[in-house]
Amino acid sequence: MEAFENRDNAQISRNVLIALPNDMSYEQERETTEEWDSNHKFNQWREKWFEILNEKFKQYGLEKVYSHKSFEEQGRMEKPEIRLTREEY
């Protein structure tokens, strides 16, 4: 996905609805939500999702293991099997 969305202002997730406490000021809300709008946060979510997925696969006796890392980060030379179109994201 990072290769597809490679502009500085690209956003992977278009909308996230979160509830914030009424006790926060506008600046506090802004500071809190800015953390969510970053590639770092997206990568944390993706890493956690693959941890959960792999735990479930292990629990179900399935031997396949998934990684949140790109093929390049994993040192794999092959190309991904399926290439999604922009509309499929």
PDB file of N, CA and C in Angstrom:
ATOM      1  N   MET A   1       0.810  -1.195   0.000  1.00  0.00           N
ATOM      2  CA  MET A   1       0.000   0.000   0.000  1.00  0.00           C
ATOM      3  C   MET A   1       0.852   1.257   0.000  1.00  0.00           C
ATOM      4  N   GLU A   2       1.958   1.217   0.717  1.00  0.00           N
ATOM      5  CA  GLU A   2       2.784   2.405   0.791  1.00  0.00           C
ATOM      6  C   GLU A   2       3.308   2.801  -0.589  1.00  0.00           C
ATOM      7  N   ALA A   3       3.617   1.796  -1.410  1.00  0.00           N
ATOM      8  CA  ALA A   3       4.104   2.101  -2.749  1.00  0.00           C
ATOM      9  C   ALA A   3       2.999   2.725  -3.590  1.00  0.00           C
ATOM     10  N   PHE A   4       1.767   2.308  -3.360  1.00  0.00           N
ATOM     11  CA  PHE A   4       0.636   2.836  -4.111  1.00  0.00           C
ATOM     12  C   PHE A   4       0.296   4.243  -3.654  1.00  0.00           C
ATOM     13  N   GLU A   5       0.239   4.459  -2.359  1.00  0.00           N
ATOM     14  CA  GLU A   5      -0.060   5.770  -1.771  1.00  0.00           C
ATOM     15  C   GLU A   5       1.254   6.399  -1.347  1.00  0.00           C
ATOM     16  N   ASN A   6       2.013   6.941  -2.304  1.00  0.00           N
ATOM     17  CA  ASN A   6       3.359   7.403  -1.986  1.00  0.00           C
ATOM     18  C   ASN A   6       3.499   8.913  -1.891  1.00  0.00           C
ATOM     19  N   ARG A   7       2.419   9.659  -2.021  1.00  0.00           N
ATOM     20  CA  ARG A   7       2.496  11.109  -1.856  1.00  0.00           C
ATOM     21  C   ARG A   7       2.605  11.454  -0.371  1.00  0.00           C
ATOM     22  N   ASP A   8       3.207  12.585  -0.070  1.00  0.00           N
ATOM     23  CA  ASP A   8       3.348  13.016   1.323  1.00  0.00           C
ATOM     24  C   ASP A   8       1.994  13.215   1.992  1.00  0.00           C
ATOM     25  N   ASN A   9       1.000  13.655   1.232  1.00  0.00           N
ATOM     26  CA  ASN A   9      -0.308  13.928   1.827  1.00  0.00           C
ATOM     27  C   ASN A   9      -1.306  12.803   1.590  1.00  0.00           C
ATOM     28  N   ALA A  10      -0.847  11.629   1.157  1.00  0.00           N
ATOM     29  CA  ALA A  10      -1.737  10.491   0.920  1.00  0.00           C
ATOM     30  C   ALA A  10      -2.272   9.969   2.247  1.00  0.00           C
ATOM     31  N   GLN A  11      -3.504   9.513   2.215  1.00  0.00           N
ATOM     32  CA  GLN A  11      -4.113   8.936   3.406  1.00  0.00           C
ATOM     33  C   GLN A  11      -4.626   7.550   3.076  1.00  0.00           C
ATOM     34  N   ILE A  12      -4.227   6.578   3.858  1.00  0.00           N
ATOM     35  CA  ILE A  12      -4.625   5.200   3.634  1.00  0.00           C
ATOM     36  C   ILE A  12      -6.089   5.005   4.028  1.00  0.00           C
ATOM     37  N   SER A  13      -6.421   5.440   5.207  1.00  0.00           N
ATOM     38  CA  SER A  13      -7.791   5.334   5.690  1.00  0.00           C
ATOM     39  C   SER A  13      -8.479   6.668   5.477  1.00  0.00           C
ATOM     40  N   ARG A  14      -9.614   6.646   4.844  1.00  0.00           N
ATOM     41  CA  ARG A  14     -10.294   7.891   4.524  1.00  0.00           C
ATOM     42  C   ARG A  14     -11.080   8.450   5.708  1.00  0.00           C
ATOM     43  N   ASN A  15     -11.703   7.572   6.482  1.00  0.00           N
ATOM     44  CA  ASN A  15     -12.522   8.037   7.597  1.00  0.00           C
ATOM     45  C   ASN A  15     -12.358   7.132   8.812  1.00  0.00           C
ATOM     46  N   VAL A  16     -12.198   7.749   9.948  1.00  0.00           N
ATOM     47  CA  VAL A  16     -12.205   7.039  11.220  1.00  0.00           C
ATOM     48  C   VAL A  16     -13.045   7.868  12.165  1.00  0.00           C
ATOM     49  N   LEU A  17     -14.079   7.262  12.715  1.00  0.00           N
ATOM     50  CA  LEU A  17     -14.957   7.967  13.641  1.00  0.00           C
ATOM     51  C   LEU A  17     -14.589   7.558  15.064  1.00  0.00           C
ATOM     52  N   ILE A  18     -14.178   8.539  15.865  1.00  0.00           N
ATOM     53  CA  ILE A  18     -13.817   8.268  17.256  1.00  0.00           C
ATOM     54  C   ILE A  18     -14.562   9.248  18.156  1.00  0.00           C
ATOM     55  N   ALA A  19     -14.824   8.812  19.365  1.00  0.00           N
ATOM     56  CA  ALA A  19     -15.478   9.676  20.348  1.00  0.00           C
ATOM     57  C   ALA A  19     -14.418  10.245  21.280  1.00  0.00           C
ATOM     58  N   LEU A  20     -14.448  11.558  21.450  1.00  0.00           N
ATOM     59  CA  LEU A  20     -13.508  12.218  22.349  1.00  0.00           C
ATOM     60  C   LEU A  20     -14.266  12.752  23.559  1.00  0.00           C
ATOM     61  N   PRO A  21     -13.620  12.749  24.717  1.00  0.00           N
ATOM     62  CA  PRO A  21     -14.276  13.289  25.906  1.00  0.00           C
ATOM     63  C   PRO A  21     -14.609  14.776  25.738  1.00  0.00           C
ATOM     64  N   ASN A  22     -15.694  15.198  26.303  1.00  0.00           N
ATOM     65  CA  ASN A  22     -16.095  16.611  26.245  1.00  0.00           C
ATOM     66  C   ASN A  22     -15.167  17.506  27.051  1.00  0.00           C
ATOM     67  N   ASP A  23     -14.373  16.920  27.930  1.00  0.00           N
ATOM     68  CA  ASP A  23     -13.505  17.698  28.811  1.00  0.00           C
ATOM     69  C   ASP A  23     -12.289  18.295  28.110  1.00  0.00           C
ATOM     70  N   MET A  24     -12.012  17.858  26.884  1.00  0.00           N
ATOM     71  CA  MET A  24     -10.815  18.332  26.179  1.00  0.00           C
ATOM     72  C   MET A  24     -11.076  19.665  25.490  1.00  0.00           C
ATOM     73  N   SER A  25     -10.032  20.479  25.452  1.00  0.00           N
ATOM     74  CA  SER A  25     -10.111  21.722  24.678  1.00  0.00           C
ATOM     75  C   SER A  25      -9.929  21.381  23.196  1.00  0.00           C
ATOM     76  N   TYR A  26     -10.185  22.344  22.343  1.00  0.00           N
ATOM     77  CA  TYR A  26     -10.015  22.125  20.908  1.00  0.00           C
ATOM     78  C   TYR A  26      -8.573  21.739  20.596  1.00  0.00           C
ATOM     79  N   GLU A  27      -7.618  22.428  21.192  1.00  0.00           N
ATOM     80  CA  GLU A  27      -6.204  22.121  20.951  1.00  0.00           C
ATOM     81  C   GLU A  27      -5.839  20.715  21.425  1.00  0.00           C
ATOM     82  N   GLN A  28      -6.368  20.319  22.573  1.00  0.00           N
ATOM     83  CA  GLN A  28      -6.100  18.972  23.074  1.00  0.00           C
ATOM     84  C   GLN A  28      -6.693  17.917  22.138  1.00  0.00           C
ATOM     85  N   GLU A  29      -7.898  18.170  21.640  1.00  0.00           N
ATOM     86  CA  GLU A  29      -8.516  17.247  20.688  1.00  0.00           C
ATOM     87  C   GLU A  29      -7.676  17.142  19.421  1.00  0.00           C
ATOM     88  N   ARG A  30      -7.253  18.272  18.928  1.00  0.00           N
ATOM     89  CA  ARG A  30      -6.457  18.308  17.698  1.00  0.00           C
ATOM     90  C   ARG A  30      -5.155  17.548  17.873  1.00  0.00           C
ATOM     91  N   GLU A  31      -4.464  17.788  18.980  1.00  0.00           N
ATOM     92  CA  GLU A  31      -3.205  17.098  19.253  1.00  0.00           C
ATOM     93  C   GLU A  31      -3.426  15.589  19.346  1.00  0.00           C
ATOM     94  N   THR A  32      -4.506  15.197  19.994  1.00  0.00           N
ATOM     95  CA  THR A  32      -4.815  13.775  20.159  1.00  0.00           C
ATOM     96  C   THR A  32      -5.129  13.113  18.822  1.00  0.00           C
ATOM     97  N   THR A  33      -5.914  13.778  17.985  1.00  0.00           N
ATOM     98  CA  THR A  33      -6.313  13.175  16.714  1.00  0.00           C
ATOM     99  C   THR A  33      -5.204  13.212  15.668  1.00  0.00           C
ATOM    100  N   GLU A  34      -4.290  14.165  15.748  1.00  0.00           N
ATOM    101  CA  GLU A  34      -3.193  14.214  14.779  1.00  0.00           C
ATOM    102  C   GLU A  34      -2.328  12.965  14.849  1.00  0.00           C
ATOM    103  N   GLU A  35      -2.192  12.399  16.037  1.00  0.00           N
ATOM    104  CA  GLU A  35      -1.410  11.170  16.193  1.00  0.00           C
ATOM    105  C   GLU A  35      -2.015  10.039  15.364  1.00  0.00           C
ATOM    106  N   TRP A  36      -3.338  10.028  15.224  1.00  0.00           N
ATOM    107  CA  TRP A  36      -4.020   8.968  14.490  1.00  0.00           C
ATOM    108  C   TRP A  36      -3.833   9.102  12.996  1.00  0.00           C
ATOM    109  N   ASP A  37      -3.532  10.277  12.517  1.00  0.00           N
ATOM    110  CA  ASP A  37      -3.410  10.535  11.088  1.00  0.00           C
ATOM    111  C   ASP A  37      -1.946  10.464  10.671  1.00  0.00           C
ATOM    112  N   SER A  38      -1.367   9.286  10.810  1.00  0.00           N
ATOM    113  CA  SER A  38       0.041   9.133  10.464  1.00  0.00           C
ATOM    114  C   SER A  38       0.302   7.719   9.968  1.00  0.00           C
ATOM    115  N   ASN A  39       1.323   7.569   9.147  1.00  0.00           N
ATOM    116  CA  ASN A  39       1.710   6.238   8.682  1.00  0.00           C
ATOM    117  C   ASN A  39       2.168   5.372   9.837  1.00  0.00           C
ATOM    118  N   HIS A  40       2.792   5.991  10.841  1.00  0.00           N
ATOM    119  CA  HIS A  40       3.250   5.232  12.011  1.00  0.00           C
ATOM    120  C   HIS A  40       2.070   4.545  12.693  1.00  0.00           C
ATOM    121  N   LYS A  41       0.986   5.262  12.906  1.00  0.00           N
ATOM    122  CA  LYS A  41      -0.196   4.683  13.551  1.00  0.00           C
ATOM    123  C   LYS A  41      -0.800   3.588  12.673  1.00  0.00           C
ATOM    124  N   PHE A  42      -0.868   3.835  11.359  1.00  0.00           N
ATOM    125  CA  PHE A  42      -1.384   2.826  10.438  1.00  0.00           C
ATOM    126  C   PHE A  42      -0.552   1.550  10.520  1.00  0.00           C
ATOM    127  N   ASN A  43       0.761   1.695  10.567  1.00  0.00           N
ATOM    128  CA  ASN A  43       1.636   0.519  10.650  1.00  0.00           C
ATOM    129  C   ASN A  43       1.452  -0.221  11.972  1.00  0.00           C
ATOM    130  N   GLN A  44       1.193   0.501  13.054  1.00  0.00           N
ATOM    131  CA  GLN A  44       0.913  -0.150  14.342  1.00  0.00           C
ATOM    132  C   GLN A  44      -0.372  -0.969  14.260  1.00  0.00           C
ATOM    133  N   TRP A  45      -1.411  -0.393  13.647  1.00  0.00           N
ATOM    134  CA  TRP A  45      -2.679  -1.117  13.490  1.00  0.00           C
ATOM    135  C   TRP A  45      -2.473  -2.373  12.653  1.00  0.00           C
ATOM    136  N   ARG A  46      -1.755  -2.211  11.544  1.00  0.00           N
ATOM    137  CA  ARG A  46      -1.530  -3.338  10.645  1.00  0.00           C
ATOM    138  C   ARG A  46      -0.721  -4.434  11.339  1.00  0.00           C
ATOM    139  N   GLU A  47       0.315  -4.045  12.081  1.00  0.00           N
ATOM    140  CA  GLU A  47       1.130  -5.029  12.805  1.00  0.00           C
ATOM    141  C   GLU A  47       0.276  -5.789  13.815  1.00  0.00           C
ATOM    142  N   LYS A  48      -0.555  -5.083  14.556  1.00  0.00           N
ATOM    143  CA  LYS A  48      -1.426  -5.722  15.547  1.00  0.00           C
ATOM    144  C   LYS A  48      -2.423  -6.661  14.873  1.00  0.00           C
ATOM    145  N   TRP A  49      -2.978  -6.236  13.726  1.00  0.00           N
ATOM    146  CA  TRP A  49      -3.935  -7.080  13.012  1.00  0.00           C
ATOM    147  C   TRP A  49      -3.278  -8.405  12.617  1.00  0.00           C
ATOM    148  N   PHE A  50      -2.048  -8.366  12.119  1.00  0.00           N
ATOM    149  CA  PHE A  50      -1.383  -9.595  11.705  1.00  0.00           C
ATOM    150  C   PHE A  50      -0.997 -10.452  12.898  1.00  0.00           C
ATOM    151  N   GLU A  51      -0.710  -9.842  14.046  1.00  0.00           N
ATOM    152  CA  GLU A  51      -0.476 -10.623  15.273  1.00  0.00           C
ATOM    153  C   GLU A  51      -1.730 -11.420  15.624  1.00  0.00           C
ATOM    154  N   ILE A  52      -2.886 -10.753  15.608  1.00  0.00           N
ATOM    155  CA  ILE A  52      -4.157 -11.415  15.930  1.00  0.00           C
ATOM    156  C   ILE A  52      -4.460 -12.503  14.903  1.00  0.00           C
ATOM    157  N   LEU A  53      -4.284 -12.191  13.621  1.00  0.00           N
ATOM    158  CA  LEU A  53      -4.534 -13.156  12.555  1.00  0.00           C
ATOM    159  C   LEU A  53      -3.674 -14.397  12.728  1.00  0.00           C
ATOM    160  N   ASN A  54      -2.376 -14.215  13.007  1.00  0.00           N
ATOM    161  CA  ASN A  54      -1.484 -15.353  13.181  1.00  0.00           C
ATOM    162  C   ASN A  54      -1.816 -16.167  14.428  1.00  0.00           C
ATOM    163  N   GLU A  55      -2.244 -15.504  15.504  1.00  0.00           N
ATOM    164  CA  GLU A  55      -2.671 -16.226  16.702  1.00  0.00           C
ATOM    165  C   GLU A  55      -3.869 -17.113  16.393  1.00  0.00           C
ATOM    166  N   LYS A  56      -4.831 -16.579  15.649  1.00  0.00           N
ATOM    167  CA  LYS A  56      -6.029 -17.344  15.293  1.00  0.00           C
ATOM    168  C   LYS A  56      -5.670 -18.514  14.383  1.00  0.00           C
ATOM    169  N   PHE A  57      -4.786 -18.290  13.414  1.00  0.00           N
ATOM    170  CA  PHE A  57      -4.371 -19.379  12.536  1.00  0.00           C
ATOM    171  C   PHE A  57      -3.733 -20.496  13.353  1.00  0.00           C
ATOM    172  N   LYS A  58      -2.876 -20.112  14.300  1.00  0.00           N
ATOM    173  CA  LYS A  58      -2.228 -21.111  15.156  1.00  0.00           C
ATOM    174  C   LYS A  58      -3.272 -21.859  15.987  1.00  0.00           C
ATOM    175  N   GLN A  59      -4.215 -21.111  16.534  1.00  0.00           N
ATOM    176  CA  GLN A  59      -5.290 -21.700  17.352  1.00  0.00           C
ATOM    177  C   GLN A  59      -6.113 -22.696  16.533  1.00  0.00           C
ATOM    178  N   TYR A  60      -6.345 -22.410  15.259  1.00  0.00           N
ATOM    179  CA  TYR A  60      -7.140 -23.272  14.396  1.00  0.00           C
ATOM    180  C   TYR A  60      -6.318 -24.372  13.729  1.00  0.00           C
ATOM    181  N   GLY A  61      -5.022 -24.436  14.058  1.00  0.00           N
ATOM    182  CA  GLY A  61      -4.163 -25.470  13.505  1.00  0.00           C
ATOM    183  C   GLY A  61      -3.739 -25.219  12.075  1.00  0.00           C
ATOM    184  N   LEU A  62      -3.816 -23.991  11.634  1.00  0.00           N
ATOM    185  CA  LEU A  62      -3.403 -23.629  10.282  1.00  0.00           C
ATOM    186  C   LEU A  62      -1.950 -23.178  10.323  1.00  0.00           C
ATOM    187  N   GLU A  63      -1.157 -23.610   9.357  1.00  0.00           N
ATOM    188  CA  GLU A  63       0.280 -23.372   9.413  1.00  0.00           C
ATOM    189  C   GLU A  63       0.745 -22.117   8.695  1.00  0.00           C
ATOM    190  N   LYS A  64      -0.103 -21.438   7.986  1.00  0.00           N
ATOM    191  CA  LYS A  64       0.300 -20.247   7.249  1.00  0.00           C
ATOM    192  C   LYS A  64       0.539 -19.088   8.222  1.00  0.00           C
ATOM    193  N   VAL A  65       1.597 -18.307   7.982  1.00  0.00           N
ATOM    194  CA  VAL A  65       1.930 -17.159   8.820  1.00  0.00           C
ATOM    195  C   VAL A  65       1.954 -15.915   7.936  1.00  0.00           C
ATOM    196  N   TYR A  66       1.303 -14.862   8.389  1.00  0.00           N
ATOM    197  CA  TYR A  66       1.241 -13.604   7.659  1.00  0.00           C
ATOM    198  C   TYR A  66       2.114 -12.561   8.340  1.00  0.00           C
ATOM    199  N   SER A  67       2.599 -11.616   7.548  1.00  0.00           N
ATOM    200  CA  SER A  67       3.442 -10.549   8.075  1.00  0.00           C
ATOM    201  C   SER A  67       2.913  -9.198   7.624  1.00  0.00           C
ATOM    202  N   HIS A  68       3.068  -8.204   8.480  1.00  0.00           N
ATOM    203  CA  HIS A  68       2.678  -6.839   8.135  1.00  0.00           C
ATOM    204  C   HIS A  68       3.737  -6.155   7.281  1.00  0.00           C
ATOM    205  N   LYS A  69       4.900  -6.763   7.183  1.00  0.00           N
ATOM    206  CA  LYS A  69       6.011  -6.158   6.442  1.00  0.00           C
ATOM    207  C   LYS A  69       5.843  -6.390   4.936  1.00  0.00           C
ATOM    208  N   SER A  70       6.360  -5.447   4.163  1.00  0.00           N
ATOM    209  CA  SER A  70       6.346  -5.595   2.711  1.00  0.00           C
ATOM    210  C   SER A  70       7.302  -6.714   2.315  1.00  0.00           C
ATOM    211  N   PHE A  71       7.156  -7.218   1.092  1.00  0.00           N
ATOM    212  CA  PHE A  71       8.084  -8.239   0.603  1.00  0.00           C
ATOM    213  C   PHE A  71       9.514  -7.714   0.672  1.00  0.00           C
ATOM    214  N   GLU A  72       9.704  -6.451   0.320  1.00  0.00           N
ATOM    215  CA  GLU A  72      11.042  -5.857   0.346  1.00  0.00           C
ATOM    216  C   GLU A  72      11.619  -5.890   1.758  1.00  0.00           C
ATOM    217  N   GLU A  73      10.814  -5.521   2.758  1.00  0.00           N
ATOM    218  CA  GLU A  73      11.282  -5.541   4.155  1.00  0.00           C
ATOM    219  C   GLU A  73      11.589  -6.956   4.624  1.00  0.00           C
ATOM    220  N   GLN A  74      10.886  -7.948   4.048  1.00  0.00           N
ATOM    221  CA  GLN A  74      11.114  -9.342   4.411  1.00  0.00           C
ATOM    222  C   GLN A  74      12.290  -9.953   3.650  1.00  0.00           C
ATOM    223  N   GLY A  75      12.846  -9.208   2.695  1.00  0.00           N
ATOM    224  CA  GLY A  75      13.951  -9.728   1.902  1.00  0.00           C
ATOM    225  C   GLY A  75      13.501 -10.702   0.829  1.00  0.00           C
ATOM    226  N   ARG A  76      12.220 -10.670   0.495  1.00  0.00           N
ATOM    227  CA  ARG A  76      11.672 -11.567  -0.534  1.00  0.00           C
ATOM    228  C   ARG A  76      11.780 -10.887  -1.890  1.00  0.00           C
ATOM    229  N   MET A  77      12.188 -11.647  -2.891  1.00  0.00           N
ATOM    230  CA  MET A  77      12.413 -11.098  -4.224  1.00  0.00           C
ATOM    231  C   MET A  77      11.193 -11.224  -5.134  1.00  0.00           C
ATOM    232  N   GLU A  78      10.271 -12.161  -4.819  1.00  0.00           N
ATOM    233  CA  GLU A  78       9.127 -12.363  -5.705  1.00  0.00           C
ATOM    234  C   GLU A  78       8.123 -11.221  -5.596  1.00  0.00           C
ATOM    235  N   LYS A  79       7.288 -11.138  -6.586  1.00  0.00           N
ATOM    236  CA  LYS A  79       6.248 -10.112  -6.627  1.00  0.00           C
ATOM    237  C   LYS A  79       5.013 -10.632  -5.894  1.00  0.00           C
ATOM    238  N   PRO A  80       4.208  -9.745  -5.321  1.00  0.00           N
ATOM    239  CA  PRO A  80       2.943 -10.182  -4.717  1.00  0.00           C
ATOM    240  C   PRO A  80       2.077 -10.885  -5.764  1.00  0.00           C
ATOM    241  N   GLU A  81       1.305 -11.863  -5.310  1.00  0.00           N
ATOM    242  CA  GLU A  81       0.488 -12.657  -6.232  1.00  0.00           C
ATOM    243  C   GLU A  81      -0.665 -11.865  -6.829  1.00  0.00           C
ATOM    244  N   ILE A  82      -1.314 -11.052  -6.034  1.00  0.00           N
ATOM    245  CA  ILE A  82      -2.507 -10.335  -6.485  1.00  0.00           C
ATOM    246  C   ILE A  82      -2.249  -8.833  -6.393  1.00  0.00           C
ATOM    247  N   ARG A  83      -2.535  -8.136  -7.460  1.00  0.00           N
ATOM    248  CA  ARG A  83      -2.394  -6.676  -7.462  1.00  0.00           C
ATOM    249  C   ARG A  83      -3.796  -6.075  -7.494  1.00  0.00           C
ATOM    250  N   LEU A  84      -4.151  -5.337  -6.449  1.00  0.00           N
ATOM    251  CA  LEU A  84      -5.460  -4.722  -6.376  1.00  0.00           C
ATOM    252  C   LEU A  84      -5.470  -3.423  -7.160  1.00  0.00           C
ATOM    253  N   THR A  85      -6.610  -3.136  -7.764  1.00  0.00           N
ATOM    254  CA  THR A  85      -6.780  -1.864  -8.445  1.00  0.00           C
ATOM    255  C   THR A  85      -7.084  -0.794  -7.405  1.00  0.00           C
ATOM    256  N   ARG A  86      -7.025   0.456  -7.795  1.00  0.00           N
ATOM    257  CA  ARG A  86      -7.318   1.554  -6.886  1.00  0.00           C
ATOM    258  C   ARG A  86      -8.734   1.432  -6.315  1.00  0.00           C
ATOM    259  N   GLU A  87      -9.709   1.021  -7.140  1.00  0.00           N
ATOM    260  CA  GLU A  87     -11.093   0.889  -6.682  1.00  0.00           C
ATOM    261  C   GLU A  87     -11.256  -0.228  -5.653  1.00  0.00           C
ATOM    262  N   GLU A  88     -10.414  -1.262  -5.743  1.00  0.00           N
ATOM    263  CA  GLU A  88     -10.513  -2.387  -4.825  1.00  0.00           C
ATOM    264  C   GLU A  88      -9.980  -2.069  -3.433  1.00  0.00           C
ATOM    265  N   TYR A  89      -9.150  -1.024  -3.303  1.00  0.00           N
ATOM    266  CA  TYR A  89      -8.690  -0.620  -1.986  1.00  0.00           C
ATOM    267  C   TYR A  89      -9.858  -0.072  -1.264  1.00  0.00           C
TER     268      TYR A  89
END
